[in-house]
């Protein structure tokens, strides 16, 4: 799968193939929800230390932010696959909803000026 052709649909197929080849089967939806929460926590830890007031412990500075984001995405895609959610369609609908609802909201927010 080349970088130019990488879509949410392709990612869902790739994760499904990986699970069937290497993972034996999907964990339950509840387990994957817990894993997603864990992965988001790991991502939050890095962001709090890299961009916030927290500091890294010795040896933690080399954490890969992109890798942690990919972990979150992987588990989210697992949940989408398990629940029959087409992320491509869902994301498109979500952007349309946000565009209609928030077309001018952020431009008119004095806190963002």
PDB file of N, CA and C in Angstrom:
ATOM      1  N   UNK A   1       0.854  -1.163   0.000  1.00  0.00           N
ATOM      2  CA  UNK A   1       0.000   0.000   0.000  1.00  0.00           C
ATOM      3  C   UNK A   1       0.902   1.228   0.000  1.00  0.00           C
ATOM      4  N   UNK A   2       0.791   2.043  -1.031  1.00  0.00           N
ATOM      5  CA  UNK A   2       1.652   3.222  -1.113  1.00  0.00           C
ATOM      6  C   UNK A   2       1.057   4.361  -0.291  1.00  0.00           C
ATOM      7  N   UNK A   3       1.882   5.300   0.085  1.00  0.00           N
ATOM      8  CA  UNK A   3       1.446   6.437   0.888  1.00  0.00           C
ATOM      9  C   UNK A   3       0.358   7.241   0.169  1.00  0.00           C
ATOM     10  N   UNK A   4       0.465   7.406  -1.156  1.00  0.00           N
ATOM     11  CA  UNK A   4      -0.484   8.218  -1.899  1.00  0.00           C
ATOM     12  C   UNK A   4      -1.875   7.594  -1.925  1.00  0.00           C
ATOM     13  N   UNK A   5      -1.964   6.276  -1.828  1.00  0.00           N
ATOM     14  CA  UNK A   5      -3.235   5.582  -1.929  1.00  0.00           C
ATOM     15  C   UNK A   5      -3.813   5.200  -0.574  1.00  0.00           C
ATOM     16  N   UNK A   6      -3.214   5.655   0.492  1.00  0.00           N
ATOM     17  CA  UNK A   6      -3.660   5.275   1.828  1.00  0.00           C
ATOM     18  C   UNK A   6      -4.938   6.027   2.162  1.00  0.00           C
ATOM     19  N   UNK A   7      -6.007   5.281   2.356  1.00  0.00           N
ATOM     20  CA  UNK A   7      -7.304   5.847   2.721  1.00  0.00           C
ATOM     21  C   UNK A   7      -7.773   5.176   3.999  1.00  0.00           C
ATOM     22  N   UNK A   8      -8.820   5.715   4.580  1.00  0.00           N
ATOM     23  CA  UNK A   8      -9.399   5.070   5.759  1.00  0.00           C
ATOM     24  C   UNK A   8      -9.900   3.677   5.401  1.00  0.00           C
ATOM     25  N   UNK A   9     -10.476   3.545   4.224  1.00  0.00           N
ATOM     26  CA  UNK A   9     -10.959   2.238   3.771  1.00  0.00           C
ATOM     27  C   UNK A   9      -9.794   1.253   3.655  1.00  0.00           C
ATOM     28  N   UNK A  10      -8.688   1.691   3.091  1.00  0.00           N
ATOM     29  CA  UNK A  10      -7.510   0.829   2.971  1.00  0.00           C
ATOM     30  C   UNK A  10      -6.945   0.498   4.350  1.00  0.00           C
ATOM     31  N   UNK A  11      -6.952   1.463   5.253  1.00  0.00           N
ATOM     32  CA  UNK A  11      -6.460   1.219   6.611  1.00  0.00           C
ATOM     33  C   UNK A  11      -7.321   0.179   7.309  1.00  0.00           C
ATOM     34  N   UNK A  12      -8.630   0.261   7.142  1.00  0.00           N
ATOM     35  CA  UNK A  12      -9.516  -0.725   7.759  1.00  0.00           C
ATOM     36  C   UNK A  12      -9.242  -2.118   7.209  1.00  0.00           C
ATOM     37  N   UNK A  13      -9.015  -2.217   5.909  1.00  0.00           N
ATOM     38  CA  UNK A  13      -8.715  -3.518   5.303  1.00  0.00           C
ATOM     39  C   UNK A  13      -7.363  -4.039   5.792  1.00  0.00           C
ATOM     40  N   UNK A  14      -6.383  -3.155   5.902  1.00  0.00           N
ATOM     41  CA  UNK A  14      -5.040  -3.549   6.337  1.00  0.00           C
ATOM     42  C   UNK A  14      -5.062  -4.045   7.786  1.00  0.00           C
ATOM     43  N   UNK A  15      -5.788  -3.356   8.648  1.00  0.00           N
ATOM     44  CA  UNK A  15      -5.888  -3.783  10.044  1.00  0.00           C
ATOM     45  C   UNK A  15      -6.606  -5.126  10.119  1.00  0.00           C
ATOM     46  N   UNK A  16      -7.673  -5.298   9.359  1.00  0.00           N
ATOM     47  CA  UNK A  16      -8.405  -6.564   9.356  1.00  0.00           C
ATOM     48  C   UNK A  16      -7.496  -7.708   8.909  1.00  0.00           C
ATOM     49  N   UNK A  17      -6.715  -7.452   7.869  1.00  0.00           N
ATOM     50  CA  UNK A  17      -5.758  -8.464   7.379  1.00  0.00           C
ATOM     51  C   UNK A  17      -4.731  -8.787   8.460  1.00  0.00           C
ATOM     52  N   UNK A  18      -4.226  -7.764   9.143  1.00  0.00           N
ATOM     53  CA  UNK A  18      -3.225  -7.982  10.193  1.00  0.00           C
ATOM     54  C   UNK A  18      -3.819  -8.810  11.329  1.00  0.00           C
ATOM     55  N   UNK A  19      -5.012  -8.465  11.754  1.00  0.00           N
ATOM     56  CA  UNK A  19      -5.660  -9.204  12.842  1.00  0.00           C
ATOM     57  C   UNK A  19      -5.825 -10.670  12.456  1.00  0.00           C
ATOM     58  N   UNK A  20      -6.286 -10.919  11.256  1.00  0.00           N
ATOM     59  CA  UNK A  20      -6.525 -12.297  10.814  1.00  0.00           C
ATOM     60  C   UNK A  20      -5.222 -13.074  10.628  1.00  0.00           C
ATOM     61  N   UNK A  21      -4.142 -12.380  10.303  1.00  0.00           N
ATOM     62  CA  UNK A  21      -2.854 -13.030  10.072  1.00  0.00           C
ATOM     63  C   UNK A  21      -2.039 -13.181  11.354  1.00  0.00           C
ATOM     64  N   UNK A  22      -1.997 -12.123  12.158  1.00  0.00           N
ATOM     65  CA  UNK A  22      -1.110 -12.100  13.324  1.00  0.00           C
ATOM     66  C   UNK A  22      -1.838 -12.073  14.661  1.00  0.00           C
ATOM     67  N   UNK A  23      -3.049 -11.603  14.668  1.00  0.00           N
ATOM     68  CA  UNK A  23      -3.747 -11.411  15.928  1.00  0.00           C
ATOM     69  C   UNK A  23      -4.714 -12.522  16.288  1.00  0.00           C
ATOM     70  N   UNK A  24      -4.872 -13.507  15.439  1.00  0.00           N
ATOM     71  CA  UNK A  24      -5.780 -14.634  15.617  1.00  0.00           C
ATOM     72  C   UNK A  24      -7.234 -14.179  15.475  1.00  0.00           C
ATOM     73  N   UNK A  25      -7.668 -13.236  16.316  1.00  0.00           N
ATOM     74  CA  UNK A  25      -9.021 -12.683  16.237  1.00  0.00           C
ATOM     75  C   UNK A  25      -9.021 -11.325  16.929  1.00  0.00           C
ATOM     76  N   UNK A  26     -10.084 -10.576  16.715  1.00  0.00           N
ATOM     77  CA  UNK A  26     -10.236  -9.301  17.410  1.00  0.00           C
ATOM     78  C   UNK A  26     -10.501  -9.567  18.891  1.00  0.00           C
ATOM     79  N   UNK A  27      -9.980  -8.694  19.749  1.00  0.00           N
ATOM     80  CA  UNK A  27     -10.395  -8.702  21.142  1.00  0.00           C
ATOM     81  C   UNK A  27     -11.853  -8.242  21.165  1.00  0.00           C
ATOM     82  N   UNK A  28     -12.535  -8.439  22.267  1.00  0.00           N
ATOM     83  CA  UNK A  28     -13.926  -7.976  22.361  1.00  0.00           C
ATOM     84  C   UNK A  28     -13.963  -6.449  22.235  1.00  0.00           C
ATOM     85  N   UNK A  29     -15.119  -5.946  21.895  1.00  0.00           N
ATOM     86  CA  UNK A  29     -15.286  -4.496  21.780  1.00  0.00           C
ATOM     87  C   UNK A  29     -14.973  -3.806  23.102  1.00  0.00           C
ATOM     88  N   UNK A  30     -15.382  -4.411  24.200  1.00  0.00           N
ATOM     89  CA  UNK A  30     -15.121  -3.819  25.511  1.00  0.00           C
ATOM     90  C   UNK A  30     -13.624  -3.791  25.814  1.00  0.00           C
ATOM     91  N   UNK A  31     -12.929  -4.884  25.502  1.00  0.00           N
ATOM     92  CA  UNK A  31     -11.475  -4.912  25.695  1.00  0.00           C
ATOM     93  C   UNK A  31     -10.808  -3.865  24.821  1.00  0.00           C
ATOM     94  N   UNK A  32     -11.234  -3.764  23.558  1.00  0.00           N
ATOM     95  CA  UNK A  32     -10.631  -2.769  22.671  1.00  0.00           C
ATOM     96  C   UNK A  32     -10.935  -1.350  23.120  1.00  0.00           C
ATOM     97  N   UNK A  33     -12.098  -1.122  23.718  1.00  0.00           N
ATOM     98  CA  UNK A  33     -12.396   0.209  24.251  1.00  0.00           C
ATOM     99  C   UNK A  33     -11.445   0.533  25.394  1.00  0.00           C
ATOM    100  N   UNK A  34     -11.184  -0.438  26.238  1.00  0.00           N
ATOM    101  CA  UNK A  34     -10.222  -0.237  27.328  1.00  0.00           C
ATOM    102  C   UNK A  34      -8.821   0.010  26.770  1.00  0.00           C
ATOM    103  N   UNK A  35      -8.447  -0.747  25.734  1.00  0.00           N
ATOM    104  CA  UNK A  35      -7.136  -0.549  25.114  1.00  0.00           C
ATOM    105  C   UNK A  35      -7.029   0.821  24.454  1.00  0.00           C
ATOM    106  N   UNK A  36      -8.119   1.274  23.837  1.00  0.00           N
ATOM    107  CA  UNK A  36      -8.120   2.605  23.231  1.00  0.00           C
ATOM    108  C   UNK A  36      -7.888   3.669  24.300  1.00  0.00           C
ATOM    109  N   UNK A  37      -8.550   3.521  25.425  1.00  0.00           N
ATOM    110  CA  UNK A  37      -8.377   4.458  26.536  1.00  0.00           C
ATOM    111  C   UNK A  37      -6.926   4.446  27.016  1.00  0.00           C
ATOM    112  N   UNK A  38      -6.350   3.259  27.111  1.00  0.00           N
ATOM    113  CA  UNK A  38      -4.948   3.133  27.520  1.00  0.00           C
ATOM    114  C   UNK A  38      -4.021   3.830  26.531  1.00  0.00           C
ATOM    115  N   UNK A  39      -4.248   3.604  25.242  1.00  0.00           N
ATOM    116  CA  UNK A  39      -3.393   4.213  24.214  1.00  0.00           C
ATOM    117  C   UNK A  39      -3.538   5.735  24.197  1.00  0.00           C
ATOM    118  N   UNK A  40      -4.756   6.240  24.385  1.00  0.00           N
ATOM    119  CA  UNK A  40      -4.961   7.691  24.450  1.00  0.00           C
ATOM    120  C   UNK A  40      -4.228   8.253  25.663  1.00  0.00           C
ATOM    121  N   UNK A  41      -4.223   7.513  26.759  1.00  0.00           N
ATOM    122  CA  UNK A  41      -3.486   7.939  27.949  1.00  0.00           C
ATOM    123  C   UNK A  41      -1.991   8.040  27.686  1.00  0.00           C
ATOM    124  N   UNK A  42      -1.455   7.075  26.954  1.00  0.00           N
ATOM    125  CA  UNK A  42      -0.024   7.114  26.614  1.00  0.00           C
ATOM    126  C   UNK A  42       0.281   8.315  25.726  1.00  0.00           C
ATOM    127  N   UNK A  43      -0.598   8.597  24.787  1.00  0.00           N
ATOM    128  CA  UNK A  43      -0.431   9.764  23.921  1.00  0.00           C
ATOM    129  C   UNK A  43      -0.513  11.049  24.747  1.00  0.00           C
ATOM    130  N   UNK A  44      -1.476  11.099  25.658  1.00  0.00           N
ATOM    131  CA  UNK A  44      -1.631  12.283  26.515  1.00  0.00           C
ATOM    132  C   UNK A  44      -0.388  12.513  27.366  1.00  0.00           C
ATOM    133  N   UNK A  45       0.204  11.434  27.851  1.00  0.00           N
ATOM    134  CA  UNK A  45       1.415  11.545  28.676  1.00  0.00           C
ATOM    135  C   UNK A  45       2.543  12.223  27.895  1.00  0.00           C
ATOM    136  N   UNK A  46       2.729  11.803  26.661  1.00  0.00           N
ATOM    137  CA  UNK A  46       3.787  12.405  25.842  1.00  0.00           C
ATOM    138  C   UNK A  46       3.487  13.872  25.561  1.00  0.00           C
ATOM    139  N   UNK A  47       2.256  14.175  25.197  1.00  0.00           N
ATOM    140  CA  UNK A  47       1.895  15.559  24.873  1.00  0.00           C
ATOM    141  C   UNK A  47       2.031  16.452  26.105  1.00  0.00           C
ATOM    142  N   UNK A  48       1.625  15.948  27.281  1.00  0.00           N
ATOM    143  CA  UNK A  48       1.743  16.734  28.518  1.00  0.00           C
ATOM    144  C   UNK A  48       3.195  17.069  28.825  1.00  0.00           C
ATOM    145  N   UNK A  49       4.092  16.167  28.464  1.00  0.00           N
ATOM    146  CA  UNK A  49       5.506  16.381  28.753  1.00  0.00           C
ATOM    147  C   UNK A  49       6.207  17.184  27.658  1.00  0.00           C
ATOM    148  N   UNK A  50       5.828  16.962  26.426  1.00  0.00           N
ATOM    149  CA  UNK A  50       6.486  17.659  25.331  1.00  0.00           C
ATOM    150  C   UNK A  50       5.968  19.087  25.172  1.00  0.00           C
ATOM    151  N   UNK A  51       4.669  19.297  25.371  1.00  0.00           N
ATOM    152  CA  UNK A  51       4.080  20.610  25.107  1.00  0.00           C
ATOM    153  C   UNK A  51       3.517  21.282  26.359  1.00  0.00           C
ATOM    154  N   UNK A  52       3.403  20.545  27.451  1.00  0.00           N
ATOM    155  CA  UNK A  52       2.846  21.089  28.680  1.00  0.00           C
ATOM    156  C   UNK A  52       3.911  21.301  29.731  1.00  0.00           C
ATOM    157  N   UNK A  53       3.456  21.379  30.960  1.00  0.00           N
ATOM    158  CA  UNK A  53       4.353  21.687  32.069  1.00  0.00           C
ATOM    159  C   UNK A  53       5.024  20.464  32.677  1.00  0.00           C
ATOM    160  N   UNK A  54       4.568  19.280  32.348  1.00  0.00           N
ATOM    161  CA  UNK A  54       5.180  18.064  32.876  1.00  0.00           C
ATOM    162  C   UNK A  54       6.570  17.869  32.269  1.00  0.00           C
ATOM    163  N   UNK A  55       7.410  17.122  32.965  1.00  0.00           N
ATOM    164  CA  UNK A  55       8.750  16.834  32.430  1.00  0.00           C
ATOM    165  C   UNK A  55       8.903  15.325  32.263  1.00  0.00           C
ATOM    166  N   UNK A  56       9.744  14.960  31.322  1.00  0.00           N
ATOM    167  CA  UNK A  56      10.040  13.551  31.077  1.00  0.00           C
ATOM    168  C   UNK A  56      10.942  13.011  32.167  1.00  0.00           C
ATOM    169  N   UNK A  57      10.807  11.745  32.467  1.00  0.00           N
ATOM    170  CA  UNK A  57      11.770  11.051  33.317  1.00  0.00           C
ATOM    171  C   UNK A  57      12.979  10.753  32.447  1.00  0.00           C
ATOM    172  N   UNK A  58      14.105  10.468  33.069  1.00  0.00           N
ATOM    173  CA  UNK A  58      15.318  10.142  32.325  1.00  0.00           C
ATOM    174  C   UNK A  58      15.045   8.979  31.387  1.00  0.00           C
ATOM    175  N   UNK A  59      15.424   9.148  30.124  1.00  0.00           N
ATOM    176  CA  UNK A  59      15.261   8.094  29.130  1.00  0.00           C
ATOM    177  C   UNK A  59      13.939   8.123  28.385  1.00  0.00           C
ATOM    178  N   UNK A  60      12.997   8.937  28.822  1.00  0.00           N
ATOM    179  CA  UNK A  60      11.688   9.010  28.176  1.00  0.00           C
ATOM    180  C   UNK A  60      11.636  10.003  27.019  1.00  0.00           C
ATOM    181  N   UNK A  61      12.639  10.844  26.898  1.00  0.00           N
ATOM    182  CA  UNK A  61      12.598  11.939  25.936  1.00  0.00           C
ATOM    183  C   UNK A  61      12.472  11.478  24.482  1.00  0.00           C
ATOM    184  N   UNK A  62      12.884  10.265  24.206  1.00  0.00           N
ATOM    185  CA  UNK A  62      12.903   9.774  22.820  1.00  0.00           C
ATOM    186  C   UNK A  62      11.587   9.124  22.381  1.00  0.00           C
ATOM    187  N   UNK A  63      10.528   9.330  23.139  1.00  0.00           N
ATOM    188  CA  UNK A  63       9.248   8.727  22.773  1.00  0.00           C
ATOM    189  C   UNK A  63       8.782   9.257  21.429  1.00  0.00           C
ATOM    190  N   UNK A  64       8.146   8.396  20.667  1.00  0.00           N
ATOM    191  CA  UNK A  64       7.722   8.714  19.306  1.00  0.00           C
ATOM    192  C   UNK A  64       6.245   9.085  19.322  1.00  0.00           C
ATOM    193  N   UNK A  65       5.956  10.354  19.176  1.00  0.00           N
ATOM    194  CA  UNK A  65       4.588  10.851  19.194  1.00  0.00           C
ATOM    195  C   UNK A  65       3.755  10.212  18.081  1.00  0.00           C
ATOM    196  N   UNK A  66       4.322  10.115  16.901  1.00  0.00           N
ATOM    197  CA  UNK A  66       3.611   9.510  15.772  1.00  0.00           C
ATOM    198  C   UNK A  66       3.262   8.054  16.017  1.00  0.00           C
ATOM    199  N   UNK A  67       4.171   7.325  16.647  1.00  0.00           N
ATOM    200  CA  UNK A  67       3.918   5.918  16.954  1.00  0.00           C
ATOM    201  C   UNK A  67       2.755   5.784  17.923  1.00  0.00           C
ATOM    202  N   UNK A  68       2.703   6.660  18.916  1.00  0.00           N
ATOM    203  CA  UNK A  68       1.594   6.627  19.876  1.00  0.00           C
ATOM    204  C   UNK A  68       0.280   6.987  19.197  1.00  0.00           C
ATOM    205  N   UNK A  69       0.304   7.945  18.289  1.00  0.00           N
ATOM    206  CA  UNK A  69      -0.908   8.291  17.538  1.00  0.00           C
ATOM    207  C   UNK A  69      -1.356   7.111  16.672  1.00  0.00           C
ATOM    208  N   UNK A  70      -0.398   6.414  16.085  1.00  0.00           N
ATOM    209  CA  UNK A  70      -0.723   5.246  15.269  1.00  0.00           C
ATOM    210  C   UNK A  70      -1.323   4.129  16.115  1.00  0.00           C
ATOM    211  N   UNK A  71      -0.860   3.966  17.355  1.00  0.00           N
ATOM    212  CA  UNK A  71      -1.460   2.981  18.263  1.00  0.00           C
ATOM    213  C   UNK A  71      -2.932   3.307  18.506  1.00  0.00           C
ATOM    214  N   UNK A  72      -3.234   4.577  18.739  1.00  0.00           N
ATOM    215  CA  UNK A  72      -4.623   5.008  18.945  1.00  0.00           C
ATOM    216  C   UNK A  72      -5.445   4.702  17.697  1.00  0.00           C
ATOM    217  N   UNK A  73      -4.906   5.055  16.541  1.00  0.00           N
ATOM    218  CA  UNK A  73      -5.613   4.831  15.282  1.00  0.00           C
ATOM    219  C   UNK A  73      -5.861   3.348  15.033  1.00  0.00           C
ATOM    220  N   UNK A  74      -4.878   2.514  15.317  1.00  0.00           N
ATOM    221  CA  UNK A  74      -5.009   1.069  15.111  1.00  0.00           C
ATOM    222  C   UNK A  74      -6.178   0.513  15.919  1.00  0.00           C
ATOM    223  N   UNK A  75      -6.236   0.850  17.205  1.00  0.00           N
ATOM    224  CA  UNK A  75      -7.305   0.312  18.054  1.00  0.00           C
ATOM    225  C   UNK A  75      -8.657   0.903  17.644  1.00  0.00           C
ATOM    226  N   UNK A  76      -8.684   2.174  17.265  1.00  0.00           N
ATOM    227  CA  UNK A  76      -9.924   2.783  16.791  1.00  0.00           C
ATOM    228  C   UNK A  76     -10.421   2.070  15.532  1.00  0.00           C
ATOM    229  N   UNK A  77      -9.504   1.741  14.640  1.00  0.00           N
ATOM    230  CA  UNK A  77      -9.871   1.012  13.425  1.00  0.00           C
ATOM    231  C   UNK A  77     -10.370  -0.382  13.773  1.00  0.00           C
ATOM    232  N   UNK A  78      -9.766  -1.028  14.747  1.00  0.00           N
ATOM    233  CA  UNK A  78     -10.273  -2.329  15.194  1.00  0.00           C
ATOM    234  C   UNK A  78     -11.732  -2.206  15.619  1.00  0.00           C
ATOM    235  N   UNK A  79     -12.036  -1.196  16.424  1.00  0.00           N
ATOM    236  CA  UNK A  79     -13.408  -0.996  16.886  1.00  0.00           C
ATOM    237  C   UNK A  79     -14.347  -0.714  15.710  1.00  0.00           C
ATOM    238  N   UNK A  80     -13.887   0.061  14.750  1.00  0.00           N
ATOM    239  CA  UNK A  80     -14.714   0.342  13.574  1.00  0.00           C
ATOM    240  C   UNK A  80     -15.000  -0.953  12.819  1.00  0.00           C
ATOM    241  N   UNK A  81     -13.978  -1.764  12.621  1.00  0.00           N
ATOM    242  CA  UNK A  81     -14.160  -3.038  11.915  1.00  0.00           C
ATOM    243  C   UNK A  81     -15.135  -3.946  12.656  1.00  0.00           C
ATOM    244  N   UNK A  82     -14.992  -4.015  13.950  1.00  0.00           N
ATOM    245  CA  UNK A  82     -15.839  -4.899  14.751  1.00  0.00           C
ATOM    246  C   UNK A  82     -17.298  -4.479  14.750  1.00  0.00           C
ATOM    247  N   UNK A  83     -17.538  -3.184  14.661  1.00  0.00           N
ATOM    248  CA  UNK A  83     -18.897  -2.673  14.747  1.00  0.00           C
ATOM    249  C   UNK A  83     -19.506  -2.385  13.379  1.00  0.00           C
ATOM    250  N   UNK A  84     -18.780  -2.722  12.315  1.00  0.00           N
ATOM    251  CA  UNK A  84     -19.301  -2.510  10.969  1.00  0.00           C
ATOM    252  C   UNK A  84     -19.375  -1.049  10.572  1.00  0.00           C
ATOM    253  N   UNK A  85     -18.489  -0.243  11.142  1.00  0.00           N
ATOM    254  CA  UNK A  85     -18.465   1.182  10.847  1.00  0.00           C
ATOM    255  C   UNK A  85     -17.500   1.468   9.707  1.00  0.00           C
ATOM    256  N   UNK A  86     -17.999   2.074   8.652  1.00  0.00           N
ATOM    257  CA  UNK A  86     -17.163   2.512   7.529  1.00  0.00           C
ATOM    258  C   UNK A  86     -16.619   3.887   7.905  1.00  0.00           C
ATOM    259  N   UNK A  87     -15.365   3.931   8.326  1.00  0.00           N
ATOM    260  CA  UNK A  87     -14.778   5.188   8.797  1.00  0.00           C
ATOM    261  C   UNK A  87     -14.718   6.245   7.705  1.00  0.00           C
ATOM    262  N   UNK A  88     -14.526   5.841   6.471  1.00  0.00           N
ATOM    263  CA  UNK A  88     -14.478   6.808   5.376  1.00  0.00           C
ATOM    264  C   UNK A  88     -15.806   7.556   5.279  1.00  0.00           C
ATOM    265  N   UNK A  89     -16.914   6.807   5.259  1.00  0.00           N
ATOM    266  CA  UNK A  89     -18.239   7.430   5.185  1.00  0.00           C
ATOM    267  C   UNK A  89     -18.543   8.221   6.450  1.00  0.00           C
ATOM    268  N   UNK A  90     -18.211   7.652   7.604  1.00  0.00           N
ATOM    269  CA  UNK A  90     -18.480   8.330   8.870  1.00  0.00           C
ATOM    270  C   UNK A  90     -17.706   9.642   8.968  1.00  0.00           C
ATOM    271  N   UNK A  91     -16.440   9.622   8.538  1.00  0.00           N
ATOM    272  CA  UNK A  91     -15.621  10.824   8.616  1.00  0.00           C
ATOM    273  C   UNK A  91     -16.138  11.892   7.657  1.00  0.00           C
ATOM    274  N   UNK A  92     -16.530  11.480   6.460  1.00  0.00           N
ATOM    275  CA  UNK A  92     -17.090  12.421   5.487  1.00  0.00           C
ATOM    276  C   UNK A  92     -18.358  13.070   6.037  1.00  0.00           C
ATOM    277  N   UNK A  93     -19.253  12.255   6.587  1.00  0.00           N
ATOM    278  CA  UNK A  93     -20.489  12.787   7.180  1.00  0.00           C
ATOM    279  C   UNK A  93     -20.176  13.719   8.347  1.00  0.00           C
ATOM    280  N   UNK A  94     -19.180  13.350   9.152  1.00  0.00           N
ATOM    281  CA  UNK A  94     -18.818  14.159  10.311  1.00  0.00           C
ATOM    282  C   UNK A  94     -18.292  15.529   9.884  1.00  0.00           C
ATOM    283  N   UNK A  95     -17.454  15.564   8.841  1.00  0.00           N
ATOM    284  CA  UNK A  95     -16.941  16.852   8.350  1.00  0.00           C
ATOM    285  C   UNK A  95     -18.069  17.711   7.799  1.00  0.00           C
ATOM    286  N   UNK A  96     -19.018  17.081   7.090  1.00  0.00           N
ATOM    287  CA  UNK A  96     -20.165  17.828   6.567  1.00  0.00           C
ATOM    288  C   UNK A  96     -20.981  18.411   7.715  1.00  0.00           C
ATOM    289  N   UNK A  97     -21.200  17.625   8.772  1.00  0.00           N
ATOM    290  CA  UNK A  97     -21.938  18.094   9.949  1.00  0.00           C
ATOM    291  C   UNK A  97     -21.223  19.275  10.591  1.00  0.00           C
ATOM    292  N   UNK A  98     -19.916  19.139  10.790  1.00  0.00           N
ATOM    293  CA  UNK A  98     -19.138  20.210  11.421  1.00  0.00           C
ATOM    294  C   UNK A  98     -19.153  21.472  10.558  1.00  0.00           C
ATOM    295  N   UNK A  99     -19.034  21.301   9.251  1.00  0.00           N
ATOM    296  CA  UNK A  99     -19.014  22.446   8.335  1.00  0.00           C
ATOM    297  C   UNK A  99     -20.334  23.198   8.397  1.00  0.00           C
ATOM    298  N   UNK A 100     -21.450  22.463   8.379  1.00  0.00           N
ATOM    299  CA  UNK A 100     -22.748  23.109   8.461  1.00  0.00           C
ATOM    300  C   UNK A 100     -22.982  23.781   9.799  1.00  0.00           C
ATOM    301  N   UNK A 101     -22.595  23.133  10.856  1.00  0.00           N
ATOM    302  CA  UNK A 101     -22.828  23.634  12.207  1.00  0.00           C
ATOM    303  C   UNK A 101     -21.859  24.755  12.585  1.00  0.00           C
ATOM    304  N   UNK A 102     -20.613  24.635  12.160  1.00  0.00           N
ATOM    305  CA  UNK A 102     -19.565  25.539  12.646  1.00  0.00           C
ATOM    306  C   UNK A 102     -18.962  26.421  11.562  1.00  0.00           C
ATOM    307  N   UNK A 103     -19.709  26.638  10.469  1.00  0.00           N
ATOM    308  CA  UNK A 103     -19.151  27.381   9.334  1.00  0.00           C
ATOM    309  C   UNK A 103     -18.533  28.709   9.750  1.00  0.00           C
ATOM    310  N   UNK A 104     -19.178  29.426  10.649  1.00  0.00           N
ATOM    311  CA  UNK A 104     -18.664  30.736  11.075  1.00  0.00           C
ATOM    312  C   UNK A 104     -18.386  30.821  12.565  1.00  0.00           C
ATOM    313  N   UNK A 105     -18.747  29.788  13.303  1.00  0.00           N
ATOM    314  CA  UNK A 105     -18.640  29.839  14.756  1.00  0.00           C
ATOM    315  C   UNK A 105     -17.236  30.183  15.237  1.00  0.00           C
ATOM    316  N   UNK A 106     -16.239  29.529  14.694  1.00  0.00           N
ATOM    317  CA  UNK A 106     -14.863  29.750  15.172  1.00  0.00           C
ATOM    318  C   UNK A 106     -14.312  31.097  14.689  1.00  0.00           C
ATOM    319  N   UNK A 107     -14.736  31.515  13.499  1.00  0.00           N
ATOM    320  CA  UNK A 107     -14.307  32.837  13.010  1.00  0.00           C
ATOM    321  C   UNK A 107     -14.874  33.954  13.874  1.00  0.00           C
ATOM    322  N   UNK A 108     -16.032  33.720  14.471  1.00  0.00           N
ATOM    323  CA  UNK A 108     -16.692  34.727  15.301  1.00  0.00           C
ATOM    324  C   UNK A 108     -16.358  34.594  16.782  1.00  0.00           C
ATOM    325  N   UNK A 109     -15.455  33.703  17.125  1.00  0.00           N
ATOM    326  CA  UNK A 109     -15.084  33.482  18.520  1.00  0.00           C
ATOM    327  C   UNK A 109     -13.939  34.419  18.897  1.00  0.00           C
ATOM    328  N   UNK A 110     -14.206  35.411  19.752  1.00  0.00           N
ATOM    329  CA  UNK A 110     -13.152  36.371  20.115  1.00  0.00           C
ATOM    330  C   UNK A 110     -11.974  35.701  20.845  1.00  0.00           C
ATOM    331  N   UNK A 111     -12.196  34.545  21.427  1.00  0.00           N
ATOM    332  CA  UNK A 111     -11.109  33.849  22.116  1.00  0.00           C
ATOM    333  C   UNK A 111     -10.063  33.335  21.129  1.00  0.00           C
ATOM    334  N   UNK A 112     -10.434  33.196  19.874  1.00  0.00           N
ATOM    335  CA  UNK A 112      -9.503  32.675  18.873  1.00  0.00           C
ATOM    336  C   UNK A 112      -8.842  33.768  18.049  1.00  0.00           C
ATOM    337  N   UNK A 113      -9.190  35.004  18.311  1.00  0.00           N
ATOM    338  CA  UNK A 113      -8.617  36.124  17.538  1.00  0.00           C
ATOM    339  C   UNK A 113      -7.206  36.421  17.935  1.00  0.00           C
TER     340      UNK A 113
END
